[in-house]
PDB file of N, CA and C in Angstrom:
ATOM      1  N   UNK A   1      93.009 -85.299-124.010  1.00  0.00           N
ATOM      2  CA  UNK A   1      93.733 -84.805-125.179  1.00  0.00           C
ATOM      3  C   UNK A   1      95.216 -84.765-124.854  1.00  0.00           C
ATOM      4  N   UNK A   2      96.043 -85.333-125.711  1.00  0.00           N
ATOM      5  CA  UNK A   2      97.459 -85.425-125.401  1.00  0.00           C
ATOM      6  C   UNK A   2      98.281 -84.322-126.026  1.00  0.00           C
ATOM      7  N   UNK A   3      97.874 -83.855-127.239  1.00  0.00           N
ATOM      8  CA  UNK A   3      98.512 -82.721-127.889  1.00  0.00           C
ATOM      9  C   UNK A   3      97.412 -81.763-128.324  1.00  0.00           C
ATOM     10  N   UNK A   4      97.530 -80.516-127.908  1.00  0.00           N
ATOM     11  CA  UNK A   4      96.515 -79.524-128.219  1.00  0.00           C
ATOM     12  C   UNK A   4      97.168 -78.328-128.883  1.00  0.00           C
ATOM     13  N   UNK A   5      96.903 -78.175-130.194  1.00  0.00           N
ATOM     14  CA  UNK A   5      97.476 -77.060-130.945  1.00  0.00           C
ATOM     15  C   UNK A   5      96.512 -75.887-130.956  1.00  0.00           C
ATOM     16  N   UNK A   6      97.066 -74.693-130.951  1.00  0.00           N
ATOM     17  CA  UNK A   6      96.244 -73.482-130.982  1.00  0.00           C
ATOM     18  C   UNK A   6      97.056 -72.347-131.586  1.00  0.00           C
ATOM     19  N   UNK A   7      96.379 -71.237-131.830  1.00  0.00           N
ATOM     20  CA  UNK A   7      97.063 -70.044-132.305  1.00  0.00           C
ATOM     21  C   UNK A   7      96.882 -69.732-133.776  1.00  0.00           C
ATOM     22  N   UNK A   8      96.226 -70.620-134.501  1.00  0.00           N
ATOM     23  CA  UNK A   8      95.998 -70.346-135.908  1.00  0.00           C
ATOM     24  C   UNK A   8      94.976 -69.240-136.099  1.00  0.00           C
ATOM     25  N   UNK A   9      94.813 -68.826-137.348  1.00  0.00           N
ATOM     26  CA  UNK A   9      93.843 -67.792-137.639  1.00  0.00           C
ATOM     27  C   UNK A   9      94.060 -67.226-139.017  1.00  0.00           C
ATOM     28  N   UNK A  10      93.400 -66.113-139.265  1.00  0.00           N
ATOM     29  CA  UNK A  10      93.492 -65.413-140.540  1.00  0.00           C
ATOM     30  C   UNK A  10      94.405 -64.212-140.370  1.00  0.00           C
ATOM     31  N   UNK A  11      95.374 -64.083-141.254  1.00  0.00           N
ATOM     32  CA  UNK A  11      96.328 -62.986-141.178  1.00  0.00           C
ATOM     33  C   UNK A  11      96.650 -62.521-142.595  1.00  0.00           C
ATOM     34  N   UNK A  12      96.975 -61.276-142.730  1.00  0.00           N
ATOM     35  CA  UNK A  12      97.365 -60.756-144.036  1.00  0.00           C
ATOM     36  C   UNK A  12      98.809 -61.137-144.350  1.00  0.00           C
ATOM     37  N   UNK A  13      99.112 -61.185-145.604  1.00  0.00           N
ATOM     38  CA  UNK A  13     100.480 -61.465-146.031  1.00  0.00           C
ATOM     39  C   UNK A  13     101.427 -60.461-145.381  1.00  0.00           C
ATOM     40  N   UNK A  14     102.546 -60.991-144.906  1.00  0.00           N
ATOM     41  CA  UNK A  14     103.509 -60.162-144.193  1.00  0.00           C
ATOM     42  C   UNK A  14     103.313 -60.152-142.695  1.00  0.00           C
ATOM     43  N   UNK A  15     102.202 -60.678-142.249  1.00  0.00           N
ATOM     44  CA  UNK A  15     101.901 -60.702-140.825  1.00  0.00           C
ATOM     45  C   UNK A  15     102.563 -61.861-140.102  1.00  0.00           C
ATOM     46  N   UNK A  16     102.234 -61.974-138.826  1.00  0.00           N
ATOM     47  CA  UNK A  16     102.845 -62.994-137.973  1.00  0.00           C
ATOM     48  C   UNK A  16     101.780 -63.730-137.169  1.00  0.00           C
ATOM     49  N   UNK A  17     102.109 -64.950-136.835  1.00  0.00           N
ATOM     50  CA  UNK A  17     101.303 -65.751-135.922  1.00  0.00           C
ATOM     51  C   UNK A  17     102.244 -66.573-135.064  1.00  0.00           C
ATOM     52  N   UNK A  18     101.798 -66.888-133.865  1.00  0.00           N
ATOM     53  CA  UNK A  18     102.546 -67.825-133.030  1.00  0.00           C
ATOM     54  C   UNK A  18     101.628 -68.979-132.676  1.00  0.00           C
ATOM     55  N   UNK A  19     102.023 -70.153-133.117  1.00  0.00           N
ATOM     56  CA  UNK A  19     101.284 -71.361-132.789  1.00  0.00           C
ATOM     57  C   UNK A  19     101.831 -71.958-131.504  1.00  0.00           C
ATOM     58  N   UNK A  20     100.935 -72.550-130.755  1.00  0.00           N
ATOM     59  CA  UNK A  20     101.315 -73.229-129.522  1.00  0.00           C
ATOM     60  C   UNK A  20     100.805 -74.660-129.561  1.00  0.00           C
ATOM     61  N   UNK A  21     101.504 -75.520-128.894  1.00  0.00           N
ATOM     62  CA  UNK A  21     101.067 -76.907-128.772  1.00  0.00           C
ATOM     63  C   UNK A  21     101.358 -77.359-127.352  1.00  0.00           C
ATOM     64  N   UNK A  22     100.300 -77.582-126.610  1.00  0.00           N
ATOM     65  CA  UNK A  22     100.431 -78.050-125.237  1.00  0.00           C
ATOM     66  C   UNK A  22     100.336 -79.567-125.212  1.00  0.00           C
ATOM     67  N   UNK A  23     101.247 -80.187-124.514  1.00  0.00           N
ATOM     68  CA  UNK A  23     101.294 -81.641-124.473  1.00  0.00           C
ATOM     69  C   UNK A  23     101.187 -82.140-123.037  1.00  0.00           C
ATOM     70  N   UNK A  24     100.671 -83.320-122.891  1.00  0.00           N
ATOM     71  CA  UNK A  24     100.682 -83.937-121.574  1.00  0.00           C
ATOM     72  C   UNK A  24     102.123 -84.232-121.182  1.00  0.00           C
ATOM     73  N   UNK A  25     102.404 -84.185-119.901  1.00  0.00           N
ATOM     74  CA  UNK A  25     103.777 -84.315-119.450  1.00  0.00           C
ATOM     75  C   UNK A  25     104.424 -85.626-119.861  1.00  0.00           C
ATOM     76  N   UNK A  26     103.629 -86.679-119.860  1.00  0.00           N
ATOM     77  CA  UNK A  26     104.189 -87.986-120.175  1.00  0.00           C
ATOM     78  C   UNK A  26     104.671 -88.057-121.614  1.00  0.00           C
ATOM     79  N   UNK A  27     104.046 -87.274-122.474  1.00  0.00           N
ATOM     80  CA  UNK A  27     104.467 -87.249-123.875  1.00  0.00           C
ATOM     81  C   UNK A  27     105.602 -86.272-124.081  1.00  0.00           C
ATOM     82  N   UNK A  28     105.505 -85.125-123.449  1.00  0.00           N
ATOM     83  CA  UNK A  28     106.436 -84.041-123.738  1.00  0.00           C
ATOM     84  C   UNK A  28     107.847 -84.354-123.256  1.00  0.00           C
ATOM     85  N   UNK A  29     107.944 -84.983-122.125  1.00  0.00           N
ATOM     86  CA  UNK A  29     109.278 -85.224-121.562  1.00  0.00           C
ATOM     87  C   UNK A  29     110.104 -86.083-122.493  1.00  0.00           C
ATOM     88  N   UNK A  30     111.290 -85.621-122.769  1.00  0.00           N
ATOM     89  CA  UNK A  30     112.255 -86.334-123.603  1.00  0.00           C
ATOM     90  C   UNK A  30     111.774 -86.579-125.024  1.00  0.00           C
ATOM     91  N   UNK A  31     110.772 -85.833-125.460  1.00  0.00           N
ATOM     92  CA  UNK A  31     110.268 -86.025-126.817  1.00  0.00           C
ATOM     93  C   UNK A  31     110.878 -85.027-127.776  1.00  0.00           C
ATOM     94  N   UNK A  32     111.026 -85.478-128.992  1.00  0.00           N
ATOM     95  CA  UNK A  32     111.244 -84.561-130.103  1.00  0.00           C
ATOM     96  C   UNK A  32     109.865 -84.033-130.493  1.00  0.00           C
ATOM     97  N   UNK A  33     109.739 -82.730-130.548  1.00  0.00           N
ATOM     98  CA  UNK A  33     108.477 -82.114-130.927  1.00  0.00           C
ATOM     99  C   UNK A  33     108.617 -81.520-132.318  1.00  0.00           C
ATOM    100  N   UNK A  34     107.624 -81.757-133.138  1.00  0.00           N
ATOM    101  CA  UNK A  34     107.693 -81.275-134.510  1.00  0.00           C
ATOM    102  C   UNK A  34     106.443 -80.533-134.930  1.00  0.00           C
ATOM    103  N   UNK A  35     106.607 -79.714-135.951  1.00  0.00           N
ATOM    104  CA  UNK A  35     105.476 -79.056-136.611  1.00  0.00           C
ATOM    105  C   UNK A  35     105.458 -79.494-138.069  1.00  0.00           C
ATOM    106  N   UNK A  36     104.298 -79.868-138.535  1.00  0.00           N
ATOM    107  CA  UNK A  36     104.061 -80.196-139.928  1.00  0.00           C
ATOM    108  C   UNK A  36     102.888 -79.344-140.404  1.00  0.00           C
ATOM    109  N   UNK A  37     102.716 -79.301-141.710  1.00  0.00           N
ATOM    110  CA  UNK A  37     101.554 -78.601-142.234  1.00  0.00           C
ATOM    111  C   UNK A  37     101.021 -79.338-143.453  1.00  0.00           C
ATOM    112  N   UNK A  38      99.747 -79.128-143.723  1.00  0.00           N
ATOM    113  CA  UNK A  38      99.122 -79.737-144.881  1.00  0.00           C
ATOM    114  C   UNK A  38      98.162 -78.749-145.504  1.00  0.00           C
ATOM    115  N   UNK A  39      98.439 -78.424-146.752  1.00  0.00           N
ATOM    116  CA  UNK A  39      97.566 -77.540-147.518  1.00  0.00           C
ATOM    117  C   UNK A  39      96.564 -78.391-148.288  1.00  0.00           C
ATOM    118  N   UNK A  40      95.430 -77.823-148.656  1.00  0.00           N
ATOM    119  CA  UNK A  40      94.425 -78.592-149.396  1.00  0.00           C
ATOM    120  C   UNK A  40      95.003 -79.207-150.659  1.00  0.00           C
ATOM    121  N   UNK A  41      94.772 -80.499-150.826  1.00  0.00           N
ATOM    122  CA  UNK A  41      95.226 -81.183-152.016  1.00  0.00           C
ATOM    123  C   UNK A  41      96.702 -81.509-152.036  1.00  0.00           C
ATOM    124  N   UNK A  42      97.395 -81.235-150.954  1.00  0.00           N
ATOM    125  CA  UNK A  42      98.831 -81.506-150.894  1.00  0.00           C
ATOM    126  C   UNK A  42      99.151 -82.471-149.755  1.00  0.00           C
ATOM    127  N   UNK A  43     100.318 -83.060-149.835  1.00  0.00           N
ATOM    128  CA  UNK A  43     100.750 -83.952-148.785  1.00  0.00           C
ATOM    129  C   UNK A  43     101.231 -83.153-147.569  1.00  0.00           C
ATOM    130  N   UNK A  44     101.186 -83.835-146.439  1.00  0.00           N
ATOM    131  CA  UNK A  44     101.696 -83.217-145.231  1.00  0.00           C
ATOM    132  C   UNK A  44     103.195 -82.999-145.373  1.00  0.00           C
ATOM    133  N   UNK A  45     103.683 -81.842-144.953  1.00  0.00           N
ATOM    134  CA  UNK A  45     105.102 -81.548-145.093  1.00  0.00           C
ATOM    135  C   UNK A  45     105.687 -81.067-143.769  1.00  0.00           C
ATOM    136  N   UNK A  46     106.933 -81.355-143.608  1.00  0.00           N
ATOM    137  CA  UNK A  46     107.675 -81.003-142.414  1.00  0.00           C
ATOM    138  C   UNK A  46     107.985 -79.517-142.384  1.00  0.00           C
ATOM    139  N   UNK A  47     107.851 -78.938-141.192  1.00  0.00           N
ATOM    140  CA  UNK A  47     108.185 -77.530-141.023  1.00  0.00           C
ATOM    141  C   UNK A  47     109.431 -77.381-140.140  1.00  0.00           C
ATOM    142  N   UNK A  48     109.363 -77.929-138.931  1.00  0.00           N
ATOM    143  CA  UNK A  48     110.461 -77.765-137.989  1.00  0.00           C
ATOM    144  C   UNK A  48     110.322 -78.784-136.874  1.00  0.00           C
ATOM    145  N   UNK A  49     111.427 -79.032-136.177  1.00  0.00           N
ATOM    146  CA  UNK A  49     111.418 -79.929-135.027  1.00  0.00           C
ATOM    147  C   UNK A  49     112.425 -79.432-134.003  1.00  0.00           C
ATOM    148  N   UNK A  50     112.188 -79.825-132.756  1.00  0.00           N
ATOM    149  CA  UNK A  50     113.071 -79.387-131.680  1.00  0.00           C
ATOM    150  C   UNK A  50     113.224 -80.511-130.671  1.00  0.00           C
ATOM    151  N   UNK A  51     114.435 -80.709-130.223  1.00  0.00           N
ATOM    152  CA  UNK A  51     114.714 -81.722-129.222  1.00  0.00           C
ATOM    153  C   UNK A  51     114.532 -81.144-127.823  1.00  0.00           C
ATOM    154  N   UNK A  52     114.527 -82.035-126.844  1.00  0.00           N
ATOM    155  CA  UNK A  52     114.403 -81.615-125.454  1.00  0.00           C
ATOM    156  C   UNK A  52     115.462 -80.570-125.101  1.00  0.00           C
ATOM    157  N   UNK A  53     116.652 -80.719-125.656  1.00  0.00           N
ATOM    158  CA  UNK A  53     117.766 -79.818-125.356  1.00  0.00           C
ATOM    159  C   UNK A  53     117.570 -78.428-125.934  1.00  0.00           C
ATOM    160  N   UNK A  54     116.648 -78.324-126.889  1.00  0.00           N
ATOM    161  CA  UNK A  54     116.454 -77.049-127.564  1.00  0.00           C
ATOM    162  C   UNK A  54     117.079 -77.001-128.950  1.00  0.00           C
ATOM    163  N   UNK A  55     117.855 -78.026-129.300  1.00  0.00           N
ATOM    164  CA  UNK A  55     118.401 -78.094-130.641  1.00  0.00           C
ATOM    165  C   UNK A  55     117.255 -78.229-131.635  1.00  0.00           C
ATOM    166  N   UNK A  56     117.312 -77.427-132.681  1.00  0.00           N
ATOM    167  CA  UNK A  56     116.200 -77.386-133.623  1.00  0.00           C
ATOM    168  C   UNK A  56     116.674 -77.611-135.045  1.00  0.00           C
ATOM    169  N   UNK A  57     115.742 -78.015-135.876  1.00  0.00           N
ATOM    170  CA  UNK A  57     116.025 -78.204-137.278  1.00  0.00           C
ATOM    171  C   UNK A  57     114.812 -77.754-138.066  1.00  0.00           C
ATOM    172  N   UNK A  58     115.039 -77.280-139.277  1.00  0.00           N
ATOM    173  CA  UNK A  58     113.981 -76.716-140.093  1.00  0.00           C
ATOM    174  C   UNK A  58     114.051 -77.252-141.512  1.00  0.00           C
ATOM    175  N   UNK A  59     112.899 -77.226-142.162  1.00  0.00           N
ATOM    176  CA  UNK A  59     112.914 -77.337-143.609  1.00  0.00           C
ATOM    177  C   UNK A  59     113.371 -75.966-144.103  1.00  0.00           C
ATOM    178  N   UNK A  60     114.587 -75.904-144.576  1.00  0.00           N
ATOM    179  CA  UNK A  60     115.177 -74.599-144.865  1.00  0.00           C
ATOM    180  C   UNK A  60     114.463 -73.891-146.009  1.00  0.00           C
ATOM    181  N   UNK A  61     114.042 -74.645-147.009  1.00  0.00           N
ATOM    182  CA  UNK A  61     113.350 -74.003-148.120  1.00  0.00           C
ATOM    183  C   UNK A  61     112.056 -73.374-147.639  1.00  0.00           C
ATOM    184  N   UNK A  62     111.395 -74.064-146.726  1.00  0.00           N
ATOM    185  CA  UNK A  62     110.098 -73.599-146.258  1.00  0.00           C
ATOM    186  C   UNK A  62     110.268 -72.461-145.272  1.00  0.00           C
ATOM    187  N   UNK A  63     111.150 -72.654-144.301  1.00  0.00           N
ATOM    188  CA  UNK A  63     111.259 -71.700-143.197  1.00  0.00           C
ATOM    189  C   UNK A  63     112.045 -70.454-143.595  1.00  0.00           C
ATOM    190  N   UNK A  64     113.208 -70.632-144.229  1.00  0.00           N
ATOM    191  CA  UNK A  64     114.020 -69.533-144.741  1.00  0.00           C
ATOM    192  C   UNK A  64     114.148 -68.384-143.757  1.00  0.00           C
ATOM    193  N   UNK A  65     114.349 -68.737-142.483  1.00  0.00           N
ATOM    194  CA  UNK A  65     114.531 -67.705-141.478  1.00  0.00           C
ATOM    195  C   UNK A  65     113.253 -67.034-141.027  1.00  0.00           C
ATOM    196  N   UNK A  66     112.120 -67.429-141.581  1.00  0.00           N
ATOM    197  CA  UNK A  66     110.863 -66.792-141.201  1.00  0.00           C
ATOM    198  C   UNK A  66     110.219 -67.447-139.983  1.00  0.00           C
ATOM    199  N   UNK A  67     110.483 -68.749-139.807  1.00  0.00           N
ATOM    200  CA  UNK A  67     109.844 -69.498-138.735  1.00  0.00           C
ATOM    201  C   UNK A  67     110.870 -69.838-137.661  1.00  0.00           C
ATOM    202  N   UNK A  68     110.417 -69.845-136.424  1.00  0.00           N
ATOM    203  CA  UNK A  68     111.265 -70.228-135.298  1.00  0.00           C
ATOM    204  C   UNK A  68     110.500 -71.161-134.386  1.00  0.00           C
ATOM    205  N   UNK A  69     111.084 -72.317-134.126  1.00  0.00           N
ATOM    206  CA  UNK A  69     110.479 -73.264-133.199  1.00  0.00           C
ATOM    207  C   UNK A  69     111.163 -73.126-131.846  1.00  0.00           C
ATOM    208  N   UNK A  70     110.388 -73.243-130.796  1.00  0.00           N
ATOM    209  CA  UNK A  70     110.947 -73.186-129.450  1.00  0.00           C
ATOM    210  C   UNK A  70     110.083 -74.049-128.534  1.00  0.00           C
ATOM    211  N   UNK A  71     110.592 -74.324-127.364  1.00  0.00           N
ATOM    212  CA  UNK A  71     109.816 -75.121-126.413  1.00  0.00           C
ATOM    213  C   UNK A  71     110.071 -74.603-125.006  1.00  0.00           C
ATOM    214  N   UNK A  72     109.039 -74.722-124.190  1.00  0.00           N
ATOM    215  CA  UNK A  72     109.135 -74.400-122.774  1.00  0.00           C
ATOM    216  C   UNK A  72     108.892 -75.691-122.020  1.00  0.00           C
ATOM    217  N   UNK A  73     109.950 -76.307-121.578  1.00  0.00           N
ATOM    218  CA  UNK A  73     109.827 -77.621-120.960  1.00  0.00           C
ATOM    219  C   UNK A  73     109.061 -77.560-119.631  1.00  0.00           C
ATOM    220  N   UNK A  74     109.085 -76.428-118.975  1.00  0.00           N
ATOM    221  CA  UNK A  74     108.344 -76.298-117.720  1.00  0.00           C
ATOM    222  C   UNK A  74     106.841 -76.259-117.950  1.00  0.00           C
ATOM    223  N   UNK A  75     106.458 -75.797-119.133  1.00  0.00           N
ATOM    224  CA  UNK A  75     105.034 -75.687-119.473  1.00  0.00           C
ATOM    225  C   UNK A  75     104.568 -76.780-120.411  1.00  0.00           C
ATOM    226  N   UNK A  76     105.464 -77.691-120.756  1.00  0.00           N
ATOM    227  CA  UNK A  76     105.102 -78.781-121.695  1.00  0.00           C
ATOM    228  C   UNK A  76     104.503 -78.222-122.982  1.00  0.00           C
ATOM    229  N   UNK A  77     105.103 -77.183-123.488  1.00  0.00           N
ATOM    230  CA  UNK A  77     104.552 -76.494-124.652  1.00  0.00           C
ATOM    231  C   UNK A  77     105.646 -76.218-125.677  1.00  0.00           C
ATOM    232  N   UNK A  78     105.289 -76.398-126.930  1.00  0.00           N
ATOM    233  CA  UNK A  78     106.175 -76.060-128.031  1.00  0.00           C
ATOM    234  C   UNK A  78     105.501 -74.962-128.846  1.00  0.00           C
ATOM    235  N   UNK A  79     106.299 -74.084-129.407  1.00  0.00           N
ATOM    236  CA  UNK A  79     105.792 -72.942-130.148  1.00  0.00           C
ATOM    237  C   UNK A  79     106.362 -72.924-131.557  1.00  0.00           C
ATOM    238  N   UNK A  80     105.633 -72.292-132.436  1.00  0.00           N
ATOM    239  CA  UNK A  80     106.129 -72.004-133.778  1.00  0.00           C
ATOM    240  C   UNK A  80     105.806 -70.544-134.066  1.00  0.00           C
ATOM    241  N   UNK A  81     106.830 -69.726-134.043  1.00  0.00           N
ATOM    242  CA  UNK A  81     106.674 -68.317-134.395  1.00  0.00           C
ATOM    243  C   UNK A  81     106.832 -68.183-135.893  1.00  0.00           C
ATOM    244  N   UNK A  82     105.830 -67.624-136.532  1.00  0.00           N
ATOM    245  CA  UNK A  82     105.842 -67.497-137.985  1.00  0.00           C
ATOM    246  C   UNK A  82     105.752 -66.022-138.346  1.00  0.00           C
ATOM    247  N   UNK A  83     106.761 -65.547-139.037  1.00  0.00           N
ATOM    248  CA  UNK A  83     106.821 -64.146-139.456  1.00  0.00           C
ATOM    249  C   UNK A  83     106.819 -64.063-140.973  1.00  0.00           C
ATOM    250  N   UNK A  84     106.549 -62.889-141.491  1.00  0.00           N
ATOM    251  CA  UNK A  84     106.558 -62.651-142.940  1.00  0.00           C
ATOM    252  C   UNK A  84     105.741 -63.702-143.667  1.00  0.00           C
ATOM    253  N   UNK A  85     104.562 -63.942-143.174  1.00  0.00           N
ATOM    254  CA  UNK A  85     103.729 -64.997-143.735  1.00  0.00           C
ATOM    255  C   UNK A  85     103.322 -64.688-145.168  1.00  0.00           C
ATOM    256  N   UNK A  86     103.191 -65.756-145.956  1.00  0.00           N
ATOM    257  CA  UNK A  86     102.834 -65.662-147.363  1.00  0.00           C
ATOM    258  C   UNK A  86     101.549 -66.457-147.594  1.00  0.00           C
ATOM    259  N   UNK A  87     100.825 -66.140-148.644  1.00  0.00           N
ATOM    260  CA  UNK A  87      99.609 -66.927-148.934  1.00  0.00           C
ATOM    261  C   UNK A  87      99.892 -68.415-149.065  1.00  0.00           C
ATOM    262  N   UNK A  88     101.061 -68.777-149.559  1.00  0.00           N
ATOM    263  CA  UNK A  88     101.397 -70.200-149.702  1.00  0.00           C
ATOM    264  C   UNK A  88     101.662 -70.888-148.371  1.00  0.00           C
ATOM    265  N   UNK A  89     101.691 -70.141-147.291  1.00  0.00           N
ATOM    266  CA  UNK A  89     101.796 -70.744-145.964  1.00  0.00           C
ATOM    267  C   UNK A  89     100.430 -71.205-145.446  1.00  0.00           C
ATOM    268  N   UNK A  90      99.387 -70.912-146.181  1.00  0.00           N
ATOM    269  CA  UNK A  90      98.052 -71.344-145.776  1.00  0.00           C
ATOM    270  C   UNK A  90      97.974 -72.859-145.723  1.00  0.00           C
ATOM    271  N   UNK A  91      97.585 -73.365-144.565  1.00  0.00           N
ATOM    272  CA  UNK A  91      97.541 -74.813-144.353  1.00  0.00           C
ATOM    273  C   UNK A  91      96.996 -75.085-142.953  1.00  0.00           C
ATOM    274  N   UNK A  92      96.723 -76.341-142.708  1.00  0.00           N
ATOM    275  CA  UNK A  92      96.486 -76.792-141.344  1.00  0.00           C
ATOM    276  C   UNK A  92      97.840 -77.189-140.763  1.00  0.00           C
ATOM    277  N   UNK A  93      98.157 -76.646-139.617  1.00  0.00           N
ATOM    278  CA  UNK A  93      99.436 -76.914-138.977  1.00  0.00           C
ATOM    279  C   UNK A  93      99.229 -77.898-137.832  1.00  0.00           C
ATOM    280  N   UNK A  94     100.050 -78.927-137.830  1.00  0.00           N
ATOM    281  CA  UNK A  94      99.953 -79.990-136.842  1.00  0.00           C
ATOM    282  C   UNK A  94     101.223 -80.045-135.992  1.00  0.00           C
ATOM    283  N   UNK A  95     101.045 -80.236-134.712  1.00  0.00           N
ATOM    284  CA  UNK A  95     102.194 -80.551-133.884  1.00  0.00           C
ATOM    285  C   UNK A  95     102.222 -82.056-133.650  1.00  0.00           C
ATOM    286  N   UNK A  96     103.409 -82.564-133.413  1.00  0.00           N
ATOM    287  CA  UNK A  96     103.591 -83.995-133.252  1.00  0.00           C
ATOM    288  C   UNK A  96     104.728 -84.264-132.279  1.00  0.00           C
ATOM    289  N   UNK A  97     104.701 -85.435-131.685  1.00  0.00           N
ATOM    290  CA  UNK A  97     105.727 -85.810-130.719  1.00  0.00           C
ATOM    291  C   UNK A  97     106.291 -87.177-131.060  1.00  0.00           C
ATOM    292  N   UNK A  98     107.597 -87.302-130.956  1.00  0.00           N
ATOM    293  CA  UNK A  98     108.289 -88.572-131.167  1.00  0.00           C
ATOM    294  C   UNK A  98     109.131 -88.866-129.933  1.00  0.00           C
ATOM    295  N   UNK A  99     109.091 -90.107-129.472  1.00  0.00           N
ATOM    296  CA  UNK A  99     109.876 -90.446-128.286  1.00  0.00           C
ATOM    297  C   UNK A  99     111.357 -90.243-128.557  1.00  0.00           C
ATOM    298  N   UNK A 100     111.778 -90.588-129.735  1.00  0.00           N
ATOM    299  CA  UNK A 100     113.128 -90.286-130.178  1.00  0.00           C
ATOM    300  C   UNK A 100     113.209 -90.475-131.663  1.00  0.00           C
ATOM    301  N   UNK A 101     113.888 -89.606-132.335  1.00  0.00           N
ATOM    302  CA  UNK A 101     114.173 -89.766-133.747  1.00  0.00           C
ATOM    303  C   UNK A 101     115.238 -88.792-134.157  1.00  0.00           C
ATOM    304  N   UNK A 102     115.970 -89.138-135.173  1.00  0.00           N
ATOM    305  CA  UNK A 102     116.836 -88.162-135.822  1.00  0.00           C
ATOM    306  C   UNK A 102     116.425 -87.979-137.283  1.00  0.00           C
ATOM    307  N   UNK A 103     115.309 -88.598-137.611  1.00  0.00           N
ATOM    308  CA  UNK A 103     114.706 -88.403-138.929  1.00  0.00           C
ATOM    309  C   UNK A 103     113.531 -87.445-138.764  1.00  0.00           C
ATOM    310  N   UNK A 104     113.879 -86.209-138.515  1.00  0.00           N
ATOM    311  CA  UNK A 104     112.898 -85.229-138.062  1.00  0.00           C
ATOM    312  C   UNK A 104     111.804 -84.974-139.082  1.00  0.00           C
ATOM    313  N   UNK A 105     112.121 -85.045-140.335  1.00  0.00           N
ATOM    314  CA  UNK A 105     111.141 -84.701-141.353  1.00  0.00           C
ATOM    315  C   UNK A 105     110.232 -85.862-141.752  1.00  0.00           C
ATOM    316  N   UNK A 106     110.467 -87.022-141.189  1.00  0.00           N
ATOM    317  CA  UNK A 106     109.679 -88.211-141.517  1.00  0.00           C
ATOM    318  C   UNK A 106     108.489 -88.296-140.564  1.00  0.00           C
ATOM    319  N   UNK A 107     107.302 -88.024-141.073  1.00  0.00           N
ATOM    320  CA  UNK A 107     106.121 -88.000-140.219  1.00  0.00           C
ATOM    321  C   UNK A 107     105.848 -89.350-139.565  1.00  0.00           C
ATOM    322  N   UNK A 108     106.300 -90.425-140.172  1.00  0.00           N
ATOM    323  CA  UNK A 108     106.081 -91.764-139.606  1.00  0.00           C
ATOM    324  C   UNK A 108     106.844 -91.974-138.305  1.00  0.00           C
ATOM    325  N   UNK A 109     107.808 -91.122-138.036  1.00  0.00           N
ATOM    326  CA  UNK A 109     108.590 -91.245-136.808  1.00  0.00           C
ATOM    327  C   UNK A 109     107.843 -90.712-135.578  1.00  0.00           C
ATOM    328  N   UNK A 110     106.785 -89.990-135.799  1.00  0.00           N
ATOM    329  CA  UNK A 110     106.083 -89.324-134.709  1.00  0.00           C
ATOM    330  C   UNK A 110     104.929 -90.187-134.218  1.00  0.00           C
ATOM    331  N   UNK A 111     104.847 -90.320-132.902  1.00  0.00           N
ATOM    332  CA  UNK A 111     103.882 -91.224-132.296  1.00  0.00           C
ATOM    333  C   UNK A 111     102.547 -90.553-131.980  1.00  0.00           C
ATOM    334  N   UNK A 112     102.586 -89.279-131.722  1.00  0.00           N
ATOM    335  CA  UNK A 112     101.387 -88.558-131.295  1.00  0.00           C
ATOM    336  C   UNK A 112     101.207 -87.319-132.162  1.00  0.00           C
ATOM    337  N   UNK A 113      99.955 -87.023-132.444  1.00  0.00           N
ATOM    338  CA  UNK A 113      99.625 -85.873-133.275  1.00  0.00           C
ATOM    339  C   UNK A 113      98.517 -85.067-132.621  1.00  0.00           C
ATOM    340  N   UNK A 114      98.637 -83.758-132.766  1.00  0.00           N
ATOM    341  CA  UNK A 114      97.559 -82.884-132.343  1.00  0.00           C
ATOM    342  C   UNK A 114      96.489 -82.806-133.419  1.00  0.00           C
ATOM    343  N   UNK A 115      95.447 -82.066-133.129  1.00  0.00           N
ATOM    344  CA  UNK A 115      94.298 -82.023-134.022  1.00  0.00           C
ATOM    345  C   UNK A 115      94.478 -81.035-135.171  1.00  0.00           C
ATOM    346  N   UNK A 116      95.490 -80.206-135.119  1.00  0.00           N
ATOM    347  CA  UNK A 116      95.730 -79.242-136.177  1.00  0.00           C
ATOM    348  C   UNK A 116      95.069 -77.907-135.896  1.00  0.00           C
ATOM    349  N   UNK A 117      95.694 -76.867-136.402  1.00  0.00           N
ATOM    350  CA  UNK A 117      95.138 -75.521-136.291  1.00  0.00           C
ATOM    351  C   UNK A 117      95.278 -74.838-137.643  1.00  0.00           C
ATOM    352  N   UNK A 118      94.216 -74.218-138.091  1.00  0.00           N
ATOM    353  CA  UNK A 118      94.175 -73.637-139.434  1.00  0.00           C
ATOM    354  C   UNK A 118      94.876 -72.285-139.464  1.00  0.00           C
ATOM    355  N   UNK A 119      95.769 -72.140-140.426  1.00  0.00           N
ATOM    356  CA  UNK A 119      96.411 -70.852-140.690  1.00  0.00           C
ATOM    357  C   UNK A 119      96.023 -70.436-142.104  1.00  0.00           C
ATOM    358  N   UNK A 120      95.464 -69.251-142.229  1.00  0.00           N
ATOM    359  CA  UNK A 120      95.068 -68.726-143.522  1.00  0.00           C
ATOM    360  C   UNK A 120      95.720 -67.368-143.706  1.00  0.00           C
ATOM    361  N   UNK A 121      96.463 -67.245-144.793  1.00  0.00           N
ATOM    362  CA  UNK A 121      97.157 -65.998-145.089  1.00  0.00           C
ATOM    363  C   UNK A 121      96.536 -65.394-146.340  1.00  0.00           C
ATOM    364  N   UNK A 122      96.000 -64.218-146.204  1.00  0.00           N
ATOM    365  CA  UNK A 122      95.368 -63.552-147.335  1.00  0.00           C
ATOM    366  C   UNK A 122      96.369 -62.643-148.039  1.00  0.00           C
ATOM    367  N   UNK A 123      96.163 -62.514-149.333  1.00  0.00           N
ATOM    368  CA  UNK A 123      97.086 -61.689-150.128  1.00  0.00           C
ATOM    369  C   UNK A 123      96.641 -60.242-150.172  1.00  0.00           C
TER     370      UNK A 123
END
């Protein structure tokens, strides 16, 4: 397994979750790491991405200061801290890796995908 996402679950509205994505070293090094999500009946959408340097970018409408992406290069792991969760955040969350891109929100730029982790927010 090259990308392994975890940390999803059921949480009440207003709660928090931290997603993790562990990657094999060969993929993680020098990769842009991204988080996407897909709700039932909807297209996959970009959440956030982070470069090796730690520079990050977000879908501002979606994240609005509630989500924070980070990475631990020593552990080959990227995280997505999600606070103030809303029912509309319910989706399968996927981590992805791109060898290089500056088109962070374009899912076609990412070469590797994890299996996804389900996040369900109850009202």
